[in-house]
Amino acid sequence: SFQNLGLFPSLSVRQNVMLGAYSRARTGFLGTTLRPRAT
């Protein structure tokens, strides 16, 4: 984490948390994060 908050104000709490998945998802992590429903 950093001294200053690095959250995205317009994204939901869940979406902000899921941005941490970029190192684990193979492809399309951003789309996966921002989609309202998992498909």
ModelCIF file with pLDDT and N, C-alpha, C, O atoms, coordinates in Angstrom:
data_MODEL
#
_entry.id   MODEL 
#
_entity.id                         1 
_entity.type                       polymer 
_entity.pdbx_number_of_molecules   1 
#
_entity_poly.entity_id                      1 
_entity_poly.type                           'polypeptide(L)' 
_entity_poly.nstd_linkage                   no 
_entity_poly.nstd_monomer                   no 
_entity_poly.pdbx_seq_one_letter_code       SFQNLGLFPSLSVRQNVMLGAYSRARTGFLGTTLRPRAT 
_entity_poly.pdbx_seq_one_letter_code_can   SFQNLGLFPSLSVRQNVMLGAYSRARTGFLGTTLRPRAT 
_entity_poly.pdbx_strand_id                 A 
#
loop_
_entity_poly_seq.entity_id 
_entity_poly_seq.num 
_entity_poly_seq.mon_id 
_entity_poly_seq.hetero 
1 1  SER n 
1 2  PHE n 
1 3  GLN n 
1 4  ASN n 
1 5  LEU n 
1 6  GLY n 
1 7  LEU n 
1 8  PHE n 
1 9  PRO n 
1 10 SER n 
1 11 LEU n 
1 12 SER n 
1 13 VAL n 
1 14 ARG n 
1 15 GLN n 
1 16 ASN n 
1 17 VAL n 
1 18 MET n 
1 19 LEU n 
1 20 GLY n 
1 21 ALA n 
1 22 TYR n 
1 23 SER n 
1 24 ARG n 
1 25 ALA n 
1 26 ARG n 
1 27 THR n 
1 28 GLY n 
1 29 PHE n 
1 30 LEU n 
1 31 GLY n 
1 32 THR n 
1 33 THR n 
1 34 LEU n 
1 35 ARG n 
1 36 PRO n 
1 37 ARG n 
1 38 ALA n 
1 39 THR n 
#
_struct_asym.id          A 
_struct_asym.entity_id   1 
#
loop_
_ma_qa_metric.id 
_ma_qa_metric.mode 
_ma_qa_metric.name 
_ma_qa_metric.software_group_id 
_ma_qa_metric.type 
1 global pLDDT . pLDDT 
2 local  pLDDT . pLDDT 
#
_ma_qa_metric_global.metric_id      1 
_ma_qa_metric_global.metric_value   71.95 
_ma_qa_metric_global.model_id       1 
_ma_qa_metric_global.ordinal_id     1 
#
loop_
_ma_qa_metric_local.label_asym_id 
_ma_qa_metric_local.label_comp_id 
_ma_qa_metric_local.label_seq_id 
_ma_qa_metric_local.metric_id 
_ma_qa_metric_local.metric_value 
_ma_qa_metric_local.model_id 
_ma_qa_metric_local.ordinal_id 
A SER 1  2 89.00 1 1  
A PHE 2  2 82.00 1 2  
A GLN 3  2 78.00 1 3  
A ASN 4  2 78.00 1 4  
A LEU 5  2 80.00 1 5  
A GLY 6  2 79.00 1 6  
A LEU 7  2 89.00 1 7  
A PHE 8  2 93.00 1 8  
A PRO 9  2 93.00 1 9  
A SER 10 2 93.00 1 10 
A LEU 11 2 94.00 1 11 
A SER 12 2 95.00 1 12 
A VAL 13 2 95.00 1 13 
A ARG 14 2 93.00 1 14 
A GLN 15 2 92.00 1 15 
A ASN 16 2 93.00 1 16 
A VAL 17 2 93.00 1 17 
A MET 18 2 91.00 1 18 
A LEU 19 2 86.00 1 19 
A GLY 20 2 71.00 1 20 
A ALA 21 2 66.00 1 21 
A TYR 22 2 61.00 1 22 
A SER 23 2 55.00 1 23 
A ARG 24 2 55.00 1 24 
A ALA 25 2 53.00 1 25 
A ARG 26 2 49.00 1 26 
A THR 27 2 46.00 1 27 
A GLY 28 2 51.00 1 28 
A PHE 29 2 50.00 1 29 
A LEU 30 2 55.00 1 30 
A GLY 31 2 55.00 1 31 
A THR 32 2 54.00 1 32 
A THR 33 2 55.00 1 33 
A LEU 34 2 58.00 1 34 
A ARG 35 2 59.00 1 35 
A PRO 36 2 55.00 1 36 
A ARG 37 2 59.00 1 37 
A ALA 38 2 55.00 1 38 
A THR 39 2 58.00 1 39 
#
loop_
_atom_site.group_PDB 
_atom_site.id 
_atom_site.type_symbol 
_atom_site.label_atom_id 
_atom_site.label_alt_id 
_atom_site.label_comp_id 
_atom_site.label_asym_id 
_atom_site.label_entity_id 
_atom_site.label_seq_id 
_atom_site.pdbx_PDB_ins_code 
_atom_site.Cartn_x 
_atom_site.Cartn_y 
_atom_site.Cartn_z 
_atom_site.occupancy 
_atom_site.B_iso_or_equiv 
_atom_site.pdbx_formal_charge 
_atom_site.auth_seq_id 
_atom_site.auth_comp_id 
_atom_site.auth_asym_id 
_atom_site.auth_atom_id 
_atom_site.pdbx_PDB_model_num 
ATOM 1   N N  . SER A 1 1  ? 0.865   -1.175  0.000   1.00 89.00 ? 1  SER A N  1 
ATOM 2   C CA . SER A 1 1  ? 0.000   0.000   0.000   1.00 89.00 ? 1  SER A CA 1 
ATOM 3   C C  . SER A 1 1  ? 0.904   1.229   0.000   1.00 89.00 ? 1  SER A C  1 
ATOM 4   O O  . SER A 1 1  ? 2.117   1.125   0.185   1.00 89.00 ? 1  SER A O  1 
ATOM 5   N N  . PHE A 1 2  ? 0.292   2.395   -0.211  1.00 82.00 ? 2  PHE A N  1 
ATOM 6   C CA . PHE A 1 2  ? 1.046   3.638   -0.268  1.00 82.00 ? 2  PHE A CA 1 
ATOM 7   C C  . PHE A 1 2  ? 0.559   4.596   0.818   1.00 82.00 ? 2  PHE A C  1 
ATOM 8   O O  . PHE A 1 2  ? -0.523  4.418   1.377   1.00 82.00 ? 2  PHE A O  1 
ATOM 9   N N  . GLN A 1 3  ? 1.372   5.616   1.108   1.00 78.00 ? 3  GLN A N  1 
ATOM 10  C CA . GLN A 1 3  ? 0.990   6.594   2.125   1.00 78.00 ? 3  GLN A CA 1 
ATOM 11  C C  . GLN A 1 3  ? -0.322  7.266   1.766   1.00 78.00 ? 3  GLN A C  1 
ATOM 12  O O  . GLN A 1 3  ? -1.196  7.427   2.617   1.00 78.00 ? 3  GLN A O  1 
ATOM 13  N N  . ASN A 1 4  ? -0.460  7.657   0.512   1.00 78.00 ? 4  ASN A N  1 
ATOM 14  C CA . ASN A 1 4  ? -1.683  8.311   0.045   1.00 78.00 ? 4  ASN A CA 1 
ATOM 15  C C  . ASN A 1 4  ? -2.585  7.282   -0.617  1.00 78.00 ? 4  ASN A C  1 
ATOM 16  O O  . ASN A 1 4  ? -2.118  6.407   -1.345  1.00 78.00 ? 4  ASN A O  1 
ATOM 17  N N  . LEU A 1 5  ? -3.877  7.397   -0.357  1.00 80.00 ? 5  LEU A N  1 
ATOM 18  C CA . LEU A 1 5  ? -4.824  6.453   -0.920  1.00 80.00 ? 5  LEU A CA 1 
ATOM 19  C C  . LEU A 1 5  ? -4.767  6.488   -2.443  1.00 80.00 ? 5  LEU A C  1 
ATOM 20  O O  . LEU A 1 5  ? -4.759  7.556   -3.056  1.00 80.00 ? 5  LEU A O  1 
ATOM 21  N N  . GLY A 1 6  ? -4.727  5.301   -3.041  1.00 79.00 ? 6  GLY A N  1 
ATOM 22  C CA . GLY A 1 6  ? -4.687  5.203   -4.494  1.00 79.00 ? 6  GLY A CA 1 
ATOM 23  C C  . GLY A 1 6  ? -5.932  4.562   -5.059  1.00 79.00 ? 6  GLY A C  1 
ATOM 24  O O  . GLY A 1 6  ? -5.861  3.804   -6.026  1.00 79.00 ? 6  GLY A O  1 
ATOM 25  N N  . LEU A 1 7  ? -7.080  4.861   -4.458  1.00 89.00 ? 7  LEU A N  1 
ATOM 26  C CA . LEU A 1 7  ? -8.337  4.258   -4.896  1.00 89.00 ? 7  LEU A CA 1 
ATOM 27  C C  . LEU A 1 7  ? -8.974  5.083   -6.016  1.00 89.00 ? 7  LEU A C  1 
ATOM 28  O O  . LEU A 1 7  ? -8.677  6.266   -6.183  1.00 89.00 ? 7  LEU A O  1 
ATOM 29  N N  . PHE A 1 8  ? -9.850  4.434   -6.774  1.00 93.00 ? 8  PHE A N  1 
ATOM 30  C CA . PHE A 1 8  ? -10.599 5.107   -7.832  1.00 93.00 ? 8  PHE A CA 1 
ATOM 31  C C  . PHE A 1 8  ? -11.963 5.517   -7.266  1.00 93.00 ? 8  PHE A C  1 
ATOM 32  O O  . PHE A 1 8  ? -12.797 4.654   -6.991  1.00 93.00 ? 8  PHE A O  1 
ATOM 33  N N  . PRO A 1 9  ? -12.199 6.816   -7.089  1.00 93.00 ? 9  PRO A N  1 
ATOM 34  C CA . PRO A 1 9  ? -13.412 7.266   -6.398  1.00 93.00 ? 9  PRO A CA 1 
ATOM 35  C C  . PRO A 1 9  ? -14.714 6.808   -7.037  1.00 93.00 ? 9  PRO A C  1 
ATOM 36  O O  . PRO A 1 9  ? -15.680 6.535   -6.326  1.00 93.00 ? 9  PRO A O  1 
ATOM 37  N N  . SER A 1 10 ? -14.762 6.718   -8.361  1.00 93.00 ? 10 SER A N  1 
ATOM 38  C CA . SER A 1 10 ? -16.018 6.390   -9.035  1.00 93.00 ? 10 SER A CA 1 
ATOM 39  C C  . SER A 1 10 ? -16.306 4.893   -9.075  1.00 93.00 ? 10 SER A C  1 
ATOM 40  O O  . SER A 1 10 ? -17.434 4.487   -9.354  1.00 93.00 ? 10 SER A O  1 
ATOM 41  N N  . LEU A 1 11 ? -15.290 4.067   -8.797  1.00 94.00 ? 11 LEU A N  1 
ATOM 42  C CA . LEU A 1 11 ? -15.503 2.622   -8.787  1.00 94.00 ? 11 LEU A CA 1 
ATOM 43  C C  . LEU A 1 11 ? -16.028 2.175   -7.439  1.00 94.00 ? 11 LEU A C  1 
ATOM 44  O O  . LEU A 1 11 ? -15.794 2.817   -6.416  1.00 94.00 ? 11 LEU A O  1 
ATOM 45  N N  . SER A 1 12 ? -16.745 1.057   -7.458  1.00 95.00 ? 12 SER A N  1 
ATOM 46  C CA . SER A 1 12 ? -17.263 0.513   -6.207  1.00 95.00 ? 12 SER A CA 1 
ATOM 47  C C  . SER A 1 12 ? -16.113 -0.043  -5.369  1.00 95.00 ? 12 SER A C  1 
ATOM 48  O O  . SER A 1 12 ? -14.996 -0.225  -5.854  1.00 95.00 ? 12 SER A O  1 
ATOM 49  N N  . VAL A 1 13 ? -16.417 -0.305  -4.109  1.00 95.00 ? 13 VAL A N  1 
ATOM 50  C CA . VAL A 1 13 ? -15.421 -0.903  -3.220  1.00 95.00 ? 13 VAL A CA 1 
ATOM 51  C C  . VAL A 1 13 ? -14.945 -2.239  -3.787  1.00 95.00 ? 13 VAL A C  1 
ATOM 52  O O  . VAL A 1 13 ? -13.745 -2.510  -3.810  1.00 95.00 ? 13 VAL A O  1 
ATOM 53  N N  . ARG A 1 14 ? -15.887 -3.081  -4.249  1.00 93.00 ? 14 ARG A N  1 
ATOM 54  C CA . ARG A 1 14 ? -15.487 -4.368  -4.804  1.00 93.00 ? 14 ARG A CA 1 
ATOM 55  C C  . ARG A 1 14 ? -14.593 -4.191  -6.032  1.00 93.00 ? 14 ARG A C  1 
ATOM 56  O O  . ARG A 1 14 ? -13.588 -4.887  -6.175  1.00 93.00 ? 14 ARG A O  1 
ATOM 57  N N  . GLN A 1 15 ? -14.956 -3.269  -6.908  1.00 92.00 ? 15 GLN A N  1 
ATOM 58  C CA . GLN A 1 15 ? -14.148 -3.053  -8.101  1.00 92.00 ? 15 GLN A CA 1 
ATOM 59  C C  . GLN A 1 15 ? -12.744 -2.574  -7.761  1.00 92.00 ? 15 GLN A C  1 
ATOM 60  O O  . GLN A 1 15 ? -11.770 -2.993  -8.386  1.00 92.00 ? 15 GLN A O  1 
ATOM 61  N N  . ASN A 1 16 ? -12.642 -1.693  -6.766  1.00 93.00 ? 16 ASN A N  1 
ATOM 62  C CA . ASN A 1 16 ? -11.318 -1.248  -6.334  1.00 93.00 ? 16 ASN A CA 1 
ATOM 63  C C  . ASN A 1 16 ? -10.495 -2.416  -5.807  1.00 93.00 ? 16 ASN A C  1 
ATOM 64  O O  . ASN A 1 16 ? -9.307  -2.530  -6.108  1.00 93.00 ? 16 ASN A O  1 
ATOM 65  N N  . VAL A 1 17 ? -11.120 -3.275  -5.028  1.00 93.00 ? 17 VAL A N  1 
ATOM 66  C CA . VAL A 1 17 ? -10.407 -4.429  -4.479  1.00 93.00 ? 17 VAL A CA 1 
ATOM 67  C C  . VAL A 1 17 ? -9.983  -5.381  -5.585  1.00 93.00 ? 17 VAL A C  1 
ATOM 68  O O  . VAL A 1 17 ? -8.875  -5.916  -5.553  1.00 93.00 ? 17 VAL A O  1 
ATOM 69  N N  . MET A 1 18 ? -10.858 -5.596  -6.567  1.00 91.00 ? 18 MET A N  1 
ATOM 70  C CA . MET A 1 18 ? -10.557 -6.554  -7.630  1.00 91.00 ? 18 MET A CA 1 
ATOM 71  C C  . MET A 1 18 ? -9.454  -6.076  -8.559  1.00 91.00 ? 18 MET A C  1 
ATOM 72  O O  . MET A 1 18 ? -8.882  -6.877  -9.299  1.00 91.00 ? 18 MET A O  1 
ATOM 73  N N  . LEU A 1 19 ? -9.146  -4.793  -8.533  1.00 86.00 ? 19 LEU A N  1 
ATOM 74  C CA . LEU A 1 19 ? -8.002  -4.329  -9.317  1.00 86.00 ? 19 LEU A CA 1 
ATOM 75  C C  . LEU A 1 19 ? -6.705  -4.961  -8.835  1.00 86.00 ? 19 LEU A C  1 
ATOM 76  O O  . LEU A 1 19 ? -5.701  -4.956  -9.548  1.00 86.00 ? 19 LEU A O  1 
ATOM 77  N N  . GLY A 1 20 ? -6.730  -5.501  -7.631  1.00 71.00 ? 20 GLY A N  1 
ATOM 78  C CA . GLY A 1 20 ? -5.573  -6.233  -7.138  1.00 71.00 ? 20 GLY A CA 1 
ATOM 79  C C  . GLY A 1 20 ? -5.357  -7.571  -7.811  1.00 71.00 ? 20 GLY A C  1 
ATOM 80  O O  . GLY A 1 20 ? -4.358  -8.243  -7.554  1.00 71.00 ? 20 GLY A O  1 
ATOM 81  N N  . ALA A 1 21 ? -6.289  -7.967  -8.673  1.00 66.00 ? 21 ALA A N  1 
ATOM 82  C CA . ALA A 1 21 ? -6.186  -9.272  -9.332  1.00 66.00 ? 21 ALA A CA 1 
ATOM 83  C C  . ALA A 1 21 ? -5.343  -9.240  -10.584 1.00 66.00 ? 21 ALA A C  1 
ATOM 84  O O  . ALA A 1 21 ? -5.151  -10.278 -11.218 1.00 66.00 ? 21 ALA A O  1 
ATOM 85  N N  . TYR A 1 22 ? -4.832  -8.079  -10.962 1.00 61.00 ? 22 TYR A N  1 
ATOM 86  C CA . TYR A 1 22 ? -4.128  -7.992  -12.245 1.00 61.00 ? 22 TYR A CA 1 
ATOM 87  C C  . TYR A 1 22 ? -2.943  -8.932  -12.344 1.00 61.00 ? 22 TYR A C  1 
ATOM 88  O O  . TYR A 1 22 ? -2.605  -9.400  -13.431 1.00 61.00 ? 22 TYR A O  1 
ATOM 89  N N  . SER A 1 23 ? -2.305  -9.213  -11.202 1.00 55.00 ? 23 SER A N  1 
ATOM 90  C CA . SER A 1 23 ? -1.123  -10.082 -11.240 1.00 55.00 ? 23 SER A CA 1 
ATOM 91  C C  . SER A 1 23 ? -1.504  -11.557 -11.316 1.00 55.00 ? 23 SER A C  1 
ATOM 92  O O  . SER A 1 23 ? -0.645  -12.405 -11.558 1.00 55.00 ? 23 SER A O  1 
ATOM 93  N N  . ARG A 1 24 ? -2.791  -11.872 -11.110 1.00 55.00 ? 24 ARG A N  1 
ATOM 94  C CA . ARG A 1 24 ? -3.229  -13.263 -11.104 1.00 55.00 ? 24 ARG A CA 1 
ATOM 95  C C  . ARG A 1 24 ? -4.004  -13.630 -12.359 1.00 55.00 ? 24 ARG A C  1 
ATOM 96  O O  . ARG A 1 24 ? -3.948  -14.774 -12.808 1.00 55.00 ? 24 ARG A O  1 
ATOM 97  N N  . ALA A 1 25 ? -4.738  -12.658 -12.938 1.00 53.00 ? 25 ALA A N  1 
ATOM 98  C CA . ALA A 1 25 ? -5.549  -12.950 -14.110 1.00 53.00 ? 25 ALA A CA 1 
ATOM 99  C C  . ALA A 1 25 ? -4.669  -13.018 -15.353 1.00 53.00 ? 25 ALA A C  1 
ATOM 100 O O  . ALA A 1 25 ? -3.762  -12.203 -15.519 1.00 53.00 ? 25 ALA A O  1 
ATOM 101 N N  . ARG A 1 26 ? -4.929  -13.968 -16.206 1.00 49.00 ? 26 ARG A N  1 
ATOM 102 C CA . ARG A 1 26 ? -4.110  -14.140 -17.400 1.00 49.00 ? 26 ARG A CA 1 
ATOM 103 C C  . ARG A 1 26 ? -4.445  -13.100 -18.462 1.00 49.00 ? 26 ARG A C  1 
ATOM 104 O O  . ARG A 1 26 ? -3.547  -12.522 -19.074 1.00 49.00 ? 26 ARG A O  1 
ATOM 105 N N  . THR A 1 27 ? -5.729  -12.862 -18.682 1.00 46.00 ? 27 THR A N  1 
ATOM 106 C CA . THR A 1 27 ? -6.134  -11.900 -19.701 1.00 46.00 ? 27 THR A CA 1 
ATOM 107 C C  . THR A 1 27 ? -7.379  -11.176 -19.232 1.00 46.00 ? 27 THR A C  1 
ATOM 108 O O  . THR A 1 27 ? -8.171  -11.703 -18.451 1.00 46.00 ? 27 THR A O  1 
ATOM 109 N N  . GLY A 1 28 ? -7.533  -9.967  -19.721 1.00 51.00 ? 28 GLY A N  1 
ATOM 110 C CA . GLY A 1 28 ? -8.782  -9.242  -19.539 1.00 51.00 ? 28 GLY A CA 1 
ATOM 111 C C  . GLY A 1 28 ? -9.144  -8.924  -18.109 1.00 51.00 ? 28 GLY A C  1 
ATOM 112 O O  . GLY A 1 28 ? -10.327 -8.865  -17.772 1.00 51.00 ? 28 GLY A O  1 
ATOM 113 N N  . PHE A 1 29 ? -8.134  -8.713  -17.241 1.00 50.00 ? 29 PHE A N  1 
ATOM 114 C CA . PHE A 1 29 ? -8.468  -8.487  -15.826 1.00 50.00 ? 29 PHE A CA 1 
ATOM 115 C C  . PHE A 1 29 ? -9.283  -7.226  -15.650 1.00 50.00 ? 29 PHE A C  1 
ATOM 116 O O  . PHE A 1 29 ? -10.156 -7.179  -14.784 1.00 50.00 ? 29 PHE A O  1 
ATOM 117 N N  . LEU A 1 30 ? -9.022  -6.189  -16.455 1.00 55.00 ? 30 LEU A N  1 
ATOM 118 C CA . LEU A 1 30 ? -9.744  -4.935  -16.279 1.00 55.00 ? 30 LEU A CA 1 
ATOM 119 C C  . LEU A 1 30 ? -11.215 -5.111  -16.635 1.00 55.00 ? 30 LEU A C  1 
ATOM 120 O O  . LEU A 1 30 ? -12.097 -4.633  -15.922 1.00 55.00 ? 30 LEU A O  1 
ATOM 121 N N  . GLY A 1 31 ? -11.468 -5.795  -17.732 1.00 55.00 ? 31 GLY A N  1 
ATOM 122 C CA . GLY A 1 31 ? -12.861 -6.051  -18.102 1.00 55.00 ? 31 GLY A CA 1 
ATOM 123 C C  . GLY A 1 31 ? -13.566 -6.897  -17.063 1.00 55.00 ? 31 GLY A C  1 
ATOM 124 O O  . GLY A 1 31 ? -14.729 -6.659  -16.738 1.00 55.00 ? 31 GLY A O  1 
ATOM 125 N N  . THR A 1 32 ? -12.850 -7.899  -16.536 1.00 54.00 ? 32 THR A N  1 
ATOM 126 C CA . THR A 1 32 ? -13.421 -8.748  -15.493 1.00 54.00 ? 32 THR A CA 1 
ATOM 127 C C  . THR A 1 32 ? -13.776 -7.929  -14.264 1.00 54.00 ? 32 THR A C  1 
ATOM 128 O O  . THR A 1 32 ? -14.817 -8.148  -13.646 1.00 54.00 ? 32 THR A O  1 
ATOM 129 N N  . THR A 1 33 ? -12.913 -6.988  -13.911 1.00 55.00 ? 33 THR A N  1 
ATOM 130 C CA . THR A 1 33 ? -13.137 -6.165  -12.736 1.00 55.00 ? 33 THR A CA 1 
ATOM 131 C C  . THR A 1 33 ? -14.337 -5.250  -12.905 1.00 55.00 ? 33 THR A C  1 
ATOM 132 O O  . THR A 1 33 ? -15.145 -5.098  -11.989 1.00 55.00 ? 33 THR A O  1 
ATOM 133 N N  . LEU A 1 34 ? -14.452 -4.638  -14.086 1.00 58.00 ? 34 LEU A N  1 
ATOM 134 C CA . LEU A 1 34 ? -15.454 -3.600  -14.284 1.00 58.00 ? 34 LEU A CA 1 
ATOM 135 C C  . LEU A 1 34 ? -16.814 -4.141  -14.690 1.00 58.00 ? 34 LEU A C  1 
ATOM 136 O O  . LEU A 1 34 ? -17.799 -3.405  -14.634 1.00 58.00 ? 34 LEU A O  1 
ATOM 137 N N  . ARG A 1 35 ? -16.905 -5.405  -15.098 1.00 59.00 ? 35 ARG A N  1 
ATOM 138 C CA . ARG A 1 35 ? -18.211 -5.959  -15.448 1.00 59.00 ? 35 ARG A CA 1 
ATOM 139 C C  . ARG A 1 35 ? -19.062 -6.090  -14.191 1.00 59.00 ? 35 ARG A C  1 
ATOM 140 O O  . ARG A 1 35 ? -18.579 -6.587  -13.174 1.00 59.00 ? 35 ARG A O  1 
ATOM 141 N N  . PRO A 1 36 ? -20.310 -5.656  -14.241 1.00 55.00 ? 36 PRO A N  1 
ATOM 142 C CA . PRO A 1 36 ? -21.148 -5.731  -13.047 1.00 55.00 ? 36 PRO A CA 1 
ATOM 143 C C  . PRO A 1 36 ? -21.477 -7.158  -12.644 1.00 55.00 ? 36 PRO A C  1 
ATOM 144 O O  . PRO A 1 36 ? -21.696 -7.433  -11.464 1.00 55.00 ? 36 PRO A O  1 
ATOM 145 N N  . ARG A 1 37 ? -21.515 -8.079  -13.618 1.00 59.00 ? 37 ARG A N  1 
ATOM 146 C CA . ARG A 1 37 ? -21.821 -9.466  -13.305 1.00 59.00 ? 37 ARG A CA 1 
ATOM 147 C C  . ARG A 1 37 ? -20.740 -10.371 -13.886 1.00 59.00 ? 37 ARG A C  1 
ATOM 148 O O  . ARG A 1 37 ? -20.270 -10.158 -15.004 1.00 59.00 ? 37 ARG A O  1 
ATOM 149 N N  . ALA A 1 38 ? -20.357 -11.373 -13.119 1.00 55.00 ? 38 ALA A N  1 
ATOM 150 C CA . ALA A 1 38 ? -19.381 -12.333 -13.605 1.00 55.00 ? 38 ALA A CA 1 
ATOM 151 C C  . ALA A 1 38 ? -20.059 -13.290 -14.570 1.00 55.00 ? 38 ALA A C  1 
ATOM 152 O O  . ALA A 1 38 ? -21.151 -13.782 -14.289 1.00 55.00 ? 38 ALA A O  1 
ATOM 153 N N  . THR A 1 39 ? -19.419 -13.563 -15.716 1.00 58.00 ? 39 THR A N  1 
ATOM 154 C CA . THR A 1 39 ? -20.040 -14.411 -16.733 1.00 58.00 ? 39 THR A CA 1 
ATOM 155 C C  . THR A 1 39 ? -19.317 -15.734 -16.909 1.00 58.00 ? 39 THR A C  1 
ATOM 156 O O  . THR A 1 39 ? -19.723 -16.555 -17.731 1.00 58.00 ? 39 THR A O  1 
#
